[in-house]
Every structure is written in C-alpha cells, then in structure tokens.
Amino acid sequence: MINLRESSARVVAGDAREMGGMIDRALLQQMRLATSFIEVTQESKLAMPLTQAAIQAMTEGLNCLVEGRAKIAGSVREMTRILSASNLKEVSFGCPDGLWKASVETPAVVAAA
C-alpha cells in the first residue's frame, strides 16, 4: 500500500483543481479573442486572405490548449489511481463533479483526428 500524507495529498488536489480552472479560463479567453477578431474583421470588411494567417494561428493555439487539457485530465486520472492504492483512498479531497472527479473507471478520451 502506498503511504501518503493527507496534507500533501490535499495540496496536490488543490493544485489539480486550480490547474483545471486555469486551463478552462485560458480556453475561454482564446475563444473570446478569436470571436472578437472575426467580428472586427467582418465589420471592417477585410478580405479573407488578410485575416487567414491570424485565424489559423489562433485556431492552432486553441487546439494546443484543448490537447493540454486532455493531458491534464489524464494526469489527474493517474493521480487518482495512485490515491486509490493508498492509505487515503477513502479520504475526500473536495474534487468538484465532472472531469476532475476522474475516477479510475473513467476511460481515457480518444483525441479526434
């Protein structure tokens, strides 16, 4: 059995929750930026070729954030597996519902091609 200190495990759980919120806020901000940019270019009647590179770069950045979010979810799932094999498996760390529950039974998400 893995022996974990509860105080240390609480720090990890808190950091995982914080990271989830941070990456979701970054996703929202990136989407807002893309939306604002498209609205401004339409309003200005800019030709598509002039805006394509900027939109492409924003989309690639958004894809990287989404891929990073999947990696974070996977790391939380692995940490949950470690916790389930520890002396603290019955301790609640206050993880919110949804993705951050990350139960051991939750299958890994397959990335879209």
PDB file of N, CA and C in Angstrom:
ATOM      1  N   MET A   1       0.852  -1.182   0.000  1.00  0.00           N
ATOM      2  CA  MET A   1       0.000   0.000   0.000  1.00  0.00           C
ATOM      3  C   MET A   1       0.893   1.239   0.000  1.00  0.00           C
ATOM      4  N   ILE A   2       0.480   2.225  -0.769  1.00  0.00           N
ATOM      5  CA  ILE A   2       1.200   3.496  -0.827  1.00  0.00           C
ATOM      6  C   ILE A   2       0.799   4.330   0.385  1.00  0.00           C
ATOM      7  N   ASN A   3       1.776   4.886   1.065  1.00  0.00           N
ATOM      8  CA  ASN A   3       1.508   5.677   2.255  1.00  0.00           C
ATOM      9  C   ASN A   3       1.697   7.161   1.925  1.00  0.00           C
ATOM     10  N   LEU A   4       0.594   7.896   1.899  1.00  0.00           N
ATOM     11  CA  LEU A   4       0.624   9.327   1.592  1.00  0.00           C
ATOM     12  C   LEU A   4       0.256  10.151   2.817  1.00  0.00           C
ATOM     13  N   ARG A   5       0.870  11.318   2.935  1.00  0.00           N
ATOM     14  CA  ARG A   5       0.451  12.246   3.990  1.00  0.00           C
ATOM     15  C   ARG A   5      -0.762  13.009   3.481  1.00  0.00           C
ATOM     16  N   GLU A   6      -1.783  13.097   4.314  1.00  0.00           N
ATOM     17  CA  GLU A   6      -3.019  13.757   3.896  1.00  0.00           C
ATOM     18  C   GLU A   6      -2.781  15.211   3.524  1.00  0.00           C
ATOM     19  N   SER A   7      -1.976  15.926   4.293  1.00  0.00           N
ATOM     20  CA  SER A   7      -1.737  17.344   3.995  1.00  0.00           C
ATOM     21  C   SER A   7      -1.086  17.520   2.627  1.00  0.00           C
ATOM     22  N   SER A   8      -0.162  16.644   2.280  1.00  0.00           N
ATOM     23  CA  SER A   8       0.492  16.722   0.970  1.00  0.00           C
ATOM     24  C   SER A   8      -0.489  16.386  -0.148  1.00  0.00           C
ATOM     25  N   ALA A   9      -1.312  15.370   0.078  1.00  0.00           N
ATOM     26  CA  ALA A   9      -2.296  14.993  -0.939  1.00  0.00           C
ATOM     27  C   ALA A   9      -3.310  16.113  -1.149  1.00  0.00           C
ATOM     28  N   ARG A  10      -3.656  16.839  -0.086  1.00  0.00           N
ATOM     29  CA  ARG A  10      -4.581  17.974  -0.227  1.00  0.00           C
ATOM     30  C   ARG A  10      -3.971  19.085  -1.087  1.00  0.00           C
ATOM     31  N   VAL A  11      -2.686  19.301  -0.958  1.00  0.00           N
ATOM     32  CA  VAL A  11      -2.004  20.304  -1.791  1.00  0.00           C
ATOM     33  C   VAL A  11      -2.094  19.905  -3.259  1.00  0.00           C
ATOM     34  N   VAL A  12      -1.830  18.635  -3.547  1.00  0.00           N
ATOM     35  CA  VAL A  12      -1.898  18.142  -4.926  1.00  0.00           C
ATOM     36  C   VAL A  12      -3.323  18.285  -5.471  1.00  0.00           C
ATOM     37  N   ALA A  13      -4.316  17.916  -4.676  1.00  0.00           N
ATOM     38  CA  ALA A  13      -5.716  18.021  -5.120  1.00  0.00           C
ATOM     39  C   ALA A  13      -6.081  19.474  -5.401  1.00  0.00           C
ATOM     40  N   GLY A  14      -5.639  20.376  -4.522  1.00  0.00           N
ATOM     41  CA  GLY A  14      -5.912  21.800  -4.736  1.00  0.00           C
ATOM     42  C   GLY A  14      -5.243  22.325  -5.993  1.00  0.00           C
ATOM     43  N   ASP A  15      -4.003  21.921  -6.212  1.00  0.00           N
ATOM     44  CA  ASP A  15      -3.297  22.346  -7.423  1.00  0.00           C
ATOM     45  C   ASP A  15      -3.968  21.808  -8.683  1.00  0.00           C
ATOM     46  N   ALA A  16      -4.468  20.575  -8.626  1.00  0.00           N
ATOM     47  CA  ALA A  16      -5.160  19.988  -9.779  1.00  0.00           C
ATOM     48  C   ALA A  16      -6.439  20.761 -10.090  1.00  0.00           C
ATOM     49  N   ARG A  17      -7.199  21.112  -9.037  1.00  0.00           N
ATOM     50  CA  ARG A  17      -8.420  21.909  -9.247  1.00  0.00           C
ATOM     51  C   ARG A  17      -8.068  23.266  -9.850  1.00  0.00           C
ATOM     52  N   GLU A  18      -7.031  23.887  -9.311  1.00  0.00           N
ATOM     53  CA  GLU A  18      -6.623  25.207  -9.804  1.00  0.00           C
ATOM     54  C   GLU A  18      -6.184  25.132 -11.268  1.00  0.00           C
ATOM     55  N   MET A  19      -5.416  24.102 -11.596  1.00  0.00           N
ATOM     56  CA  MET A  19      -4.952  23.945 -12.967  1.00  0.00           C
ATOM     57  C   MET A  19      -6.120  23.753 -13.927  1.00  0.00           C
ATOM     58  N   GLY A  20      -7.109  22.962 -13.520  1.00  0.00           N
ATOM     59  CA  GLY A  20      -8.296  22.772 -14.364  1.00  0.00           C
ATOM     60  C   GLY A  20      -9.006  24.080 -14.633  1.00  0.00           C
ATOM     61  N   GLY A  21      -9.154  24.887 -13.599  1.00  0.00           N
ATOM     62  CA  GLY A  21      -9.798  26.190 -13.772  1.00  0.00           C
ATOM     63  C   GLY A  21      -8.975  27.110 -14.655  1.00  0.00           C
ATOM     64  N   MET A  22      -7.663  27.073 -14.482  1.00  0.00           N
ATOM     65  CA  MET A  22      -6.791  27.942 -15.275  1.00  0.00           C
ATOM     66  C   MET A  22      -6.853  27.599 -16.756  1.00  0.00           C
ATOM     67  N   ILE A  23      -6.815  26.332 -17.062  1.00  0.00           N
ATOM     68  CA  ILE A  23      -6.815  25.954 -18.477  1.00  0.00           C
ATOM     69  C   ILE A  23      -8.174  26.238 -19.107  1.00  0.00           C
ATOM     70  N   ASP A  24      -9.254  26.061 -18.355  1.00  0.00           N
ATOM     71  CA  ASP A  24     -10.584  26.397 -18.890  1.00  0.00           C
ATOM     72  C   ASP A  24     -10.715  27.901 -19.095  1.00  0.00           C
ATOM     73  N   ARG A  25     -10.166  28.693 -18.186  1.00  0.00           N
ATOM     74  CA  ARG A  25     -10.201  30.153 -18.372  1.00  0.00           C
ATOM     75  C   ARG A  25      -9.376  30.563 -19.590  1.00  0.00           C
ATOM     76  N   ALA A  26      -8.247  29.905 -19.799  1.00  0.00           N
ATOM     77  CA  ALA A  26      -7.430  30.189 -20.985  1.00  0.00           C
ATOM     78  C   ALA A  26      -8.184  29.838 -22.262  1.00  0.00           C
ATOM     79  N   LEU A  27      -8.894  28.717 -22.243  1.00  0.00           N
ATOM     80  CA  LEU A  27      -9.710  28.337 -23.403  1.00  0.00           C
ATOM     81  C   LEU A  27     -10.781  29.384 -23.685  1.00  0.00           C
ATOM     82  N   LEU A  28     -11.465  29.814 -22.638  1.00  0.00           N
ATOM     83  CA  LEU A  28     -12.497  30.842 -22.816  1.00  0.00           C
ATOM     84  C   LEU A  28     -11.907  32.131 -23.382  1.00  0.00           C
ATOM     85  N   GLN A  29     -10.765  32.537 -22.854  1.00  0.00           N
ATOM     86  CA  GLN A  29     -10.139  33.768 -23.324  1.00  0.00           C
ATOM     87  C   GLN A  29      -9.709  33.654 -24.778  1.00  0.00           C
ATOM     88  N   GLN A  30      -9.169  32.499 -25.153  1.00  0.00           N
ATOM     89  CA  GLN A  30      -8.749  32.287 -26.542  1.00  0.00           C
ATOM     90  C   GLN A  30      -9.958  32.329 -27.477  1.00  0.00           C
ATOM     91  N   MET A  31     -11.080  31.726 -27.040  1.00  0.00           N
ATOM     92  CA  MET A  31     -12.295  31.757 -27.860  1.00  0.00           C
ATOM     93  C   MET A  31     -12.843  33.177 -27.980  1.00  0.00           C
ATOM     94  N   ARG A  32     -12.793  33.922 -26.885  1.00  0.00           N
ATOM     95  CA  ARG A  32     -13.243  35.327 -26.932  1.00  0.00           C
ATOM     96  C   ARG A  32     -12.391  36.139 -27.889  1.00  0.00           C
ATOM     97  N   LEU A  33     -11.079  35.923 -27.824  1.00  0.00           N
ATOM     98  CA  LEU A  33     -10.171  36.636 -28.719  1.00  0.00           C
ATOM     99  C   LEU A  33     -10.496  36.320 -30.175  1.00  0.00           C
ATOM    100  N   ALA A  34     -10.674  35.051 -30.479  1.00  0.00           N
ATOM    101  CA  ALA A  34     -10.986  34.654 -31.854  1.00  0.00           C
ATOM    102  C   ALA A  34     -12.307  35.272 -32.309  1.00  0.00           C
ATOM    103  N   THR A  35     -13.302  35.224 -31.440  1.00  0.00           N
ATOM    104  CA  THR A  35     -14.612  35.796 -31.775  1.00  0.00           C
ATOM    105  C   THR A  35     -14.500  37.298 -32.019  1.00  0.00           C
ATOM    106  N   SER A  36     -13.820  37.989 -31.130  1.00  0.00           N
ATOM    107  CA  SER A  36     -13.645  39.439 -31.280  1.00  0.00           C
ATOM    108  C   SER A  36     -12.916  39.776 -32.568  1.00  0.00           C
ATOM    109  N   PHE A  37     -11.866  39.015 -32.850  1.00  0.00           N
ATOM    110  CA  PHE A  37     -11.093  39.271 -34.059  1.00  0.00           C
ATOM    111  C   PHE A  37     -11.947  39.085 -35.301  1.00  0.00           C
ATOM    112  N   ILE A  38     -12.715  38.005 -35.348  1.00  0.00           N
ATOM    113  CA  ILE A  38     -13.570  37.750 -36.512  1.00  0.00           C
ATOM    114  C   ILE A  38     -14.624  38.849 -36.644  1.00  0.00           C
ATOM    115  N   GLU A  39     -15.220  39.265 -35.533  1.00  0.00           N
ATOM    116  CA  GLU A  39     -16.220  40.336 -35.581  1.00  0.00           C
ATOM    117  C   GLU A  39     -15.615  41.625 -36.128  1.00  0.00           C
ATOM    118  N   VAL A  40     -14.419  41.958 -35.680  1.00  0.00           N
ATOM    119  CA  VAL A  40     -13.769  43.192 -36.144  1.00  0.00           C
ATOM    120  C   VAL A  40     -13.422  43.096 -37.623  1.00  0.00           C
ATOM    121  N   THR A  41     -12.919  41.943 -38.058  1.00  0.00           N
ATOM    122  CA  THR A  41     -12.552  41.825 -39.474  1.00  0.00           C
ATOM    123  C   THR A  41     -13.780  41.855 -40.377  1.00  0.00           C
ATOM    124  N   GLN A  42     -14.898  41.288 -39.913  1.00  0.00           N
ATOM    125  CA  GLN A  42     -16.125  41.359 -40.705  1.00  0.00           C
ATOM    126  C   GLN A  42     -16.649  42.792 -40.761  1.00  0.00           C
ATOM    127  N   GLU A  43     -16.603  43.442 -39.629  1.00  0.00           N
ATOM    128  CA  GLU A  43     -17.057  44.830 -39.542  1.00  0.00           C
ATOM    129  C   GLU A  43     -16.220  45.728 -40.458  1.00  0.00           C
ATOM    130  N   SER A  44     -14.931  45.437 -40.534  1.00  0.00           N
ATOM    131  CA  SER A  44     -14.010  46.229 -41.355  1.00  0.00           C
ATOM    132  C   SER A  44     -14.003  45.790 -42.813  1.00  0.00           C
ATOM    133  N   LYS A  45     -14.739  44.716 -43.098  1.00  0.00           N
ATOM    134  CA  LYS A  45     -14.825  44.167 -44.453  1.00  0.00           C
ATOM    135  C   LYS A  45     -13.446  43.808 -45.021  1.00  0.00           C
ATOM    136  N   LEU A  46     -12.614  43.222 -44.150  1.00  0.00           N
ATOM    137  CA  LEU A  46     -11.299  42.774 -44.598  1.00  0.00           C
ATOM    138  C   LEU A  46     -11.441  41.504 -45.422  1.00  0.00           C
ATOM    139  N   ALA A  47     -10.605  41.383 -46.424  1.00  0.00           N
ATOM    140  CA  ALA A  47     -10.611  40.188 -47.272  1.00  0.00           C
ATOM    141  C   ALA A  47     -10.096  38.988 -46.474  1.00  0.00           C
ATOM    142  N   MET A  48     -10.652  37.834 -46.764  1.00  0.00           N
ATOM    143  CA  MET A  48     -10.260  36.607 -46.068  1.00  0.00           C
ATOM    144  C   MET A  48      -8.759  36.341 -46.102  1.00  0.00           C
ATOM    145  N   PRO A  49      -8.094  36.533 -47.243  1.00  0.00           N
ATOM    146  CA  PRO A  49      -6.650  36.259 -47.260  1.00  0.00           C
ATOM    147  C   PRO A  49      -5.860  37.106 -46.258  1.00  0.00           C
ATOM    148  N   LEU A  50      -6.331  38.303 -45.954  1.00  0.00           N
ATOM    149  CA  LEU A  50      -5.632  39.154 -44.999  1.00  0.00           C
ATOM    150  C   LEU A  50      -5.741  38.648 -43.566  1.00  0.00           C
ATOM    151  N   THR A  51      -6.796  37.945 -43.259  1.00  0.00           N
ATOM    152  CA  THR A  51      -7.034  37.504 -41.881  1.00  0.00           C
ATOM    153  C   THR A  51      -6.745  36.021 -41.657  1.00  0.00           C
ATOM    154  N   GLN A  52      -6.517  35.285 -42.736  1.00  0.00           N
ATOM    155  CA  GLN A  52      -6.372  33.834 -42.633  1.00  0.00           C
ATOM    156  C   GLN A  52      -5.233  33.422 -41.704  1.00  0.00           C
ATOM    157  N   ALA A  53      -4.078  34.056 -41.817  1.00  0.00           N
ATOM    158  CA  ALA A  53      -2.920  33.659 -41.003  1.00  0.00           C
ATOM    159  C   ALA A  53      -3.206  33.857 -39.511  1.00  0.00           C
ATOM    160  N   ALA A  54      -3.841  34.960 -39.162  1.00  0.00           N
ATOM    161  CA  ALA A  54      -4.150  35.222 -37.753  1.00  0.00           C
ATOM    162  C   ALA A  54      -5.169  34.215 -37.224  1.00  0.00           C
ATOM    163  N   ILE A  55      -6.205  33.935 -38.010  1.00  0.00           N
ATOM    164  CA  ILE A  55      -7.215  32.967 -37.584  1.00  0.00           C
ATOM    165  C   ILE A  55      -6.609  31.570 -37.487  1.00  0.00           C
ATOM    166  N   GLN A  56      -5.758  31.231 -38.422  1.00  0.00           N
ATOM    167  CA  GLN A  56      -5.088  29.925 -38.383  1.00  0.00           C
ATOM    168  C   GLN A  56      -4.241  29.797 -37.117  1.00  0.00           C
ATOM    169  N   ALA A  57      -3.481  30.828 -36.781  1.00  0.00           N
ATOM    170  CA  ALA A  57      -2.633  30.802 -35.587  1.00  0.00           C
ATOM    171  C   ALA A  57      -3.471  30.682 -34.319  1.00  0.00           C
ATOM    172  N   MET A  58      -4.592  31.412 -34.254  1.00  0.00           N
ATOM    173  CA  MET A  58      -5.465  31.325 -33.079  1.00  0.00           C
ATOM    174  C   MET A  58      -6.066  29.930 -32.946  1.00  0.00           C
ATOM    175  N   THR A  59      -6.450  29.349 -34.069  1.00  0.00           N
ATOM    176  CA  THR A  59      -7.024  28.008 -34.055  1.00  0.00           C
ATOM    177  C   THR A  59      -5.991  26.978 -33.591  1.00  0.00           C
ATOM    178  N   GLU A  60      -4.774  27.115 -34.070  1.00  0.00           N
ATOM    179  CA  GLU A  60      -3.707  26.206 -33.640  1.00  0.00           C
ATOM    180  C   GLU A  60      -3.443  26.362 -32.137  1.00  0.00           C
ATOM    181  N   GLY A  61      -3.474  27.594 -31.654  1.00  0.00           N
ATOM    182  CA  GLY A  61      -3.307  27.830 -30.220  1.00  0.00           C
ATOM    183  C   GLY A  61      -4.431  27.202 -29.413  1.00  0.00           C
ATOM    184  N   LEU A  62      -5.651  27.316 -29.914  1.00  0.00           N
ATOM    185  CA  LEU A  62      -6.802  26.722 -29.252  1.00  0.00           C
ATOM    186  C   LEU A  62      -6.670  25.197 -29.220  1.00  0.00           C
ATOM    187  N   ASN A  63      -6.245  24.612 -30.328  1.00  0.00           N
ATOM    188  CA  ASN A  63      -6.043  23.163 -30.375  1.00  0.00           C
ATOM    189  C   ASN A  63      -4.997  22.722 -29.354  1.00  0.00           C
ATOM    190  N   CYS A  64      -3.935  23.498 -29.208  1.00  0.00           N
ATOM    191  CA  CYS A  64      -2.899  23.162 -28.225  1.00  0.00           C
ATOM    192  C   CYS A  64      -3.466  23.203 -26.808  1.00  0.00           C
ATOM    193  N   LEU A  65      -4.304  24.194 -26.522  1.00  0.00           N
ATOM    194  CA  LEU A  65      -4.916  24.281 -25.196  1.00  0.00           C
ATOM    195  C   LEU A  65      -5.825  23.078 -24.936  1.00  0.00           C
ATOM    196  N   VAL A  66      -6.604  22.693 -25.937  1.00  0.00           N
ATOM    197  CA  VAL A  66      -7.506  21.544 -25.781  1.00  0.00           C
ATOM    198  C   VAL A  66      -6.691  20.259 -25.582  1.00  0.00           C
ATOM    199  N   GLU A  67      -5.620  20.110 -26.329  1.00  0.00           N
ATOM    200  CA  GLU A  67      -4.758  18.937 -26.160  1.00  0.00           C
ATOM    201  C   GLU A  67      -4.111  18.950 -24.775  1.00  0.00           C
ATOM    202  N   GLY A  68      -3.691  20.112 -24.315  1.00  0.00           N
ATOM    203  CA  GLY A  68      -3.118  20.233 -22.981  1.00  0.00           C
ATOM    204  C   GLY A  68      -4.126  19.888 -21.906  1.00  0.00           C
ATOM    205  N   ARG A  69      -5.377  20.286 -22.124  1.00  0.00           N
ATOM    206  CA  ARG A  69      -6.445  19.972 -21.171  1.00  0.00           C
ATOM    207  C   ARG A  69      -6.627  18.462 -21.054  1.00  0.00           C
ATOM    208  N   ALA A  70      -6.562  17.768 -22.188  1.00  0.00           N
ATOM    209  CA  ALA A  70      -6.674  16.305 -22.183  1.00  0.00           C
ATOM    210  C   ALA A  70      -5.508  15.679 -21.422  1.00  0.00           C
ATOM    211  N   LYS A  71      -4.317  16.230 -21.595  1.00  0.00           N
ATOM    212  CA  LYS A  71      -3.145  15.708 -20.877  1.00  0.00           C
ATOM    213  C   LYS A  71      -3.301  15.928 -19.377  1.00  0.00           C
ATOM    214  N   ILE A  72      -3.811  17.094 -18.980  1.00  0.00           N
ATOM    215  CA  ILE A  72      -4.041  17.377 -17.555  1.00  0.00           C
ATOM    216  C   ILE A  72      -5.065  16.385 -17.000  1.00  0.00           C
ATOM    217  N   ALA A  73      -6.147  16.160 -17.756  1.00  0.00           N
ATOM    218  CA  ALA A  73      -7.165  15.200 -17.309  1.00  0.00           C
ATOM    219  C   ALA A  73      -6.551  13.819 -17.130  1.00  0.00           C
ATOM    220  N   GLY A  74      -5.678  13.432 -18.039  1.00  0.00           N
ATOM    221  CA  GLY A  74      -5.007  12.141 -17.927  1.00  0.00           C
ATOM    222  C   GLY A  74      -4.107  12.073 -16.703  1.00  0.00           C
ATOM    223  N   SER A  75      -3.421  13.165 -16.406  1.00  0.00           N
ATOM    224  CA  SER A  75      -2.549  13.160 -15.231  1.00  0.00           C
ATOM    225  C   SER A  75      -3.370  13.084 -13.947  1.00  0.00           C
ATOM    226  N   VAL A  76      -4.526  13.748 -13.925  1.00  0.00           N
ATOM    227  CA  VAL A  76      -5.408  13.666 -12.750  1.00  0.00           C
ATOM    228  C   VAL A  76      -5.930  12.236 -12.599  1.00  0.00           C
ATOM    229  N   ARG A  77      -6.259  11.599 -13.714  1.00  0.00           N
ATOM    230  CA  ARG A  77      -6.721  10.214 -13.674  1.00  0.00           C
ATOM    231  C   ARG A  77      -5.629   9.316 -13.078  1.00  0.00           C
ATOM    232  N   GLU A  78      -4.377   9.534 -13.479  1.00  0.00           N
ATOM    233  CA  GLU A  78      -3.271   8.729 -12.954  1.00  0.00           C
ATOM    234  C   GLU A  78      -3.055   9.012 -11.466  1.00  0.00           C
ATOM    235  N   MET A  79      -3.169  10.269 -11.067  1.00  0.00           N
ATOM    236  CA  MET A  79      -3.028  10.594  -9.642  1.00  0.00           C
ATOM    237  C   MET A  79      -4.145   9.943  -8.831  1.00  0.00           C
ATOM    238  N   THR A  80      -5.341   9.868  -9.413  1.00  0.00           N
ATOM    239  CA  THR A  80      -6.465   9.220  -8.743  1.00  0.00           C
ATOM    240  C   THR A  80      -6.200   7.735  -8.574  1.00  0.00           C
ATOM    241  N   ARG A  81      -5.581   7.126  -9.575  1.00  0.00           N
ATOM    242  CA  ARG A  81      -5.216   5.704  -9.459  1.00  0.00           C
ATOM    243  C   ARG A  81      -4.234   5.500  -8.308  1.00  0.00           C
ATOM    244  N   ILE A  82      -3.257   6.386  -8.197  1.00  0.00           N
ATOM    245  CA  ILE A  82      -2.287   6.287  -7.106  1.00  0.00           C
ATOM    246  C   ILE A  82      -3.003   6.433  -5.767  1.00  0.00           C
ATOM    247  N   LEU A  83      -3.897   7.417  -5.685  1.00  0.00           N
ATOM    248  CA  LEU A  83      -4.643   7.651  -4.446  1.00  0.00           C
ATOM    249  C   LEU A  83      -5.478   6.423  -4.067  1.00  0.00           C
ATOM    250  N   SER A  84      -6.067   5.768  -5.079  1.00  0.00           N
ATOM    251  CA  SER A  84      -6.923   4.618  -4.790  1.00  0.00           C
ATOM    252  C   SER A  84      -6.137   3.419  -4.260  1.00  0.00           C
ATOM    253  N   ALA A  85      -4.830   3.440  -4.441  1.00  0.00           N
ATOM    254  CA  ALA A  85      -3.991   2.357  -3.917  1.00  0.00           C
ATOM    255  C   ALA A  85      -3.260   2.790  -2.649  1.00  0.00           C
ATOM    256  N   SER A  86      -3.723   3.880  -2.045  1.00  0.00           N
ATOM    257  CA  SER A  86      -3.024   4.428  -0.883  1.00  0.00           C
ATOM    258  C   SER A  86      -3.838   4.299   0.397  1.00  0.00           C
ATOM    259  N   ASN A  87      -3.213   4.718   1.473  1.00  0.00           N
ATOM    260  CA  ASN A  87      -3.877   4.760   2.772  1.00  0.00           C
ATOM    261  C   ASN A  87      -4.985   5.811   2.815  1.00  0.00           C
ATOM    262  N   LEU A  88      -5.057   6.692   1.813  1.00  0.00           N
ATOM    263  CA  LEU A  88      -6.047   7.781   1.802  1.00  0.00           C
ATOM    264  C   LEU A  88      -7.180   7.538   0.812  1.00  0.00           C
ATOM    265  N   LYS A  89      -7.347   6.303   0.354  1.00  0.00           N
ATOM    266  CA  LYS A  89      -8.342   6.042  -0.690  1.00  0.00           C
ATOM    267  C   LYS A  89      -9.762   6.419  -0.281  1.00  0.00           C
ATOM    268  N   GLU A  90     -10.047   6.468   0.996  1.00  0.00           N
ATOM    269  CA  GLU A  90     -11.390   6.816   1.474  1.00  0.00           C
ATOM    270  C   GLU A  90     -11.531   8.295   1.813  1.00  0.00           C
ATOM    271  N   VAL A  91     -10.447   9.077   1.673  1.00  0.00           N
ATOM    272  CA  VAL A  91     -10.480  10.495   2.046  1.00  0.00           C
ATOM    273  C   VAL A  91     -11.019  11.311   0.886  1.00  0.00           C
ATOM    274  N   SER A  92     -11.944  12.228   1.179  1.00  0.00           N
ATOM    275  CA  SER A  92     -12.462  13.132   0.155  1.00  0.00           C
ATOM    276  C   SER A  92     -11.601  14.387   0.125  1.00  0.00           C
ATOM    277  N   PHE A  93     -11.156  14.738  -1.056  1.00  0.00           N
ATOM    278  CA  PHE A  93     -10.335  15.936  -1.210  1.00  0.00           C
ATOM    279  C   PHE A  93     -11.112  17.087  -1.831  1.00  0.00           C
ATOM    280  N   GLY A  94     -12.422  16.950  -1.905  1.00  0.00           N
ATOM    281  CA  GLY A  94     -13.260  18.043  -2.377  1.00  0.00           C
ATOM    282  C   GLY A  94     -13.189  18.299  -3.858  1.00  0.00           C
ATOM    283  N   CYS A  95     -12.849  17.290  -4.637  1.00  0.00           N
ATOM    284  CA  CYS A  95     -12.798  17.486  -6.079  1.00  0.00           C
ATOM    285  C   CYS A  95     -14.219  17.722  -6.591  1.00  0.00           C
ATOM    286  N   PRO A  96     -14.394  18.718  -7.437  1.00  0.00           N
ATOM    287  CA  PRO A  96     -15.737  19.003  -7.952  1.00  0.00           C
ATOM    288  C   PRO A  96     -16.218  17.921  -8.897  1.00  0.00           C
ATOM    289  N   ASP A  97     -17.521  17.905  -9.169  1.00  0.00           N
ATOM    290  CA  ASP A  97     -18.090  16.951 -10.116  1.00  0.00           C
ATOM    291  C   ASP A  97     -17.536  17.224 -11.507  1.00  0.00           C
ATOM    292  N   GLY A  98     -17.744  16.297 -12.372  1.00  0.00           N
ATOM    293  CA  GLY A  98     -17.307  16.457 -13.747  1.00  0.00           C
ATOM    294  C   GLY A  98     -15.931  15.862 -13.956  1.00  0.00           C
ATOM    295  N   LEU A  99     -15.176  16.461 -14.842  1.00  0.00           N
ATOM    296  CA  LEU A  99     -13.881  15.951 -15.242  1.00  0.00           C
ATOM    297  C   LEU A  99     -12.959  15.707 -14.068  1.00  0.00           C
ATOM    298  N   TRP A 100     -12.968  16.578 -13.088  1.00  0.00           N
ATOM    299  CA  TRP A 100     -11.978  16.493 -12.014  1.00  0.00           C
ATOM    300  C   TRP A 100     -12.280  15.388 -11.018  1.00  0.00           C
ATOM    301  N   LYS A 101     -13.430  14.724 -11.159  1.00  0.00           N
ATOM    302  CA  LYS A 101     -13.659  13.519 -10.361  1.00  0.00           C
ATOM    303  C   LYS A 101     -12.681  12.450 -10.807  1.00  0.00           C
ATOM    304  N   ALA A 102     -12.518  12.342 -12.114  1.00  0.00           N
ATOM    305  CA  ALA A 102     -11.517  11.477 -12.733  1.00  0.00           C
ATOM    306  C   ALA A 102     -11.389  10.131 -12.046  1.00  0.00           C
ATOM    307  N   SER A 103     -12.480   9.406 -11.992  1.00  0.00           N
ATOM    308  CA  SER A 103     -12.429   8.100 -11.339  1.00  0.00           C
ATOM    309  C   SER A 103     -11.552   7.143 -12.128  1.00  0.00           C
ATOM    310  N   VAL A 104     -11.076   6.148 -11.455  1.00  0.00           N
ATOM    311  CA  VAL A 104     -10.207   5.166 -12.086  1.00  0.00           C
ATOM    312  C   VAL A 104     -10.932   4.457 -13.219  1.00  0.00           C
ATOM    313  N   GLU A 105     -12.243   4.307 -13.121  1.00  0.00           N
ATOM    314  CA  GLU A 105     -13.006   3.612 -14.150  1.00  0.00           C
ATOM    315  C   GLU A 105     -13.211   4.458 -15.394  1.00  0.00           C
ATOM    316  N   THR A 106     -12.980   5.769 -15.311  1.00  0.00           N
ATOM    317  CA  THR A 106     -13.204   6.651 -16.443  1.00  0.00           C
ATOM    318  C   THR A 106     -12.213   6.332 -17.555  1.00  0.00           C
ATOM    319  N   PRO A 107     -12.692   5.977 -18.733  1.00  0.00           N
ATOM    320  CA  PRO A 107     -11.755   5.663 -19.816  1.00  0.00           C
ATOM    321  C   PRO A 107     -11.066   6.918 -20.328  1.00  0.00           C
ATOM    322  N   ALA A 108      -9.897   6.744 -20.866  1.00  0.00           N
ATOM    323  CA  ALA A 108      -9.167   7.868 -21.452  1.00  0.00           C
ATOM    324  C   ALA A 108      -9.928   8.364 -22.675  1.00  0.00           C
ATOM    325  N   VAL A 109      -9.915   9.658 -22.891  1.00  0.00           N
ATOM    326  CA  VAL A 109     -10.579  10.257 -24.037  1.00  0.00           C
ATOM    327  C   VAL A 109      -9.715  10.069 -25.266  1.00  0.00           C
ATOM    328  N   VAL A 110     -10.326   9.651 -26.350  1.00  0.00           N
ATOM    329  CA  VAL A 110      -9.599   9.461 -27.597  1.00  0.00           C
ATOM    330  C   VAL A 110      -9.642  10.764 -28.372  1.00  0.00           C
ATOM    331  N   ALA A 111      -8.489  11.257 -28.759  1.00  0.00           N
ATOM    332  CA  ALA A 111      -8.396  12.520 -29.497  1.00  0.00           C
ATOM    333  C   ALA A 111      -8.994  12.359 -30.884  1.00  0.00           C
ATOM    334  N   ALA A 112      -9.685  13.403 -31.326  1.00  0.00           N
ATOM    335  CA  ALA A 112     -10.255  13.402 -32.675  1.00  0.00           C
ATOM    336  C   ALA A 112      -9.136  13.594 -33.698  1.00  0.00           C
ATOM    337  N   ALA A 113      -9.273  12.926 -34.804  1.00  0.00           N
ATOM    338  CA  ALA A 113      -8.240  13.042 -35.853  1.00  0.00           C
ATOM    339  C   ALA A 113      -8.461  14.255 -36.700  1.00  0.00           C
TER     340      ALA A 113
END
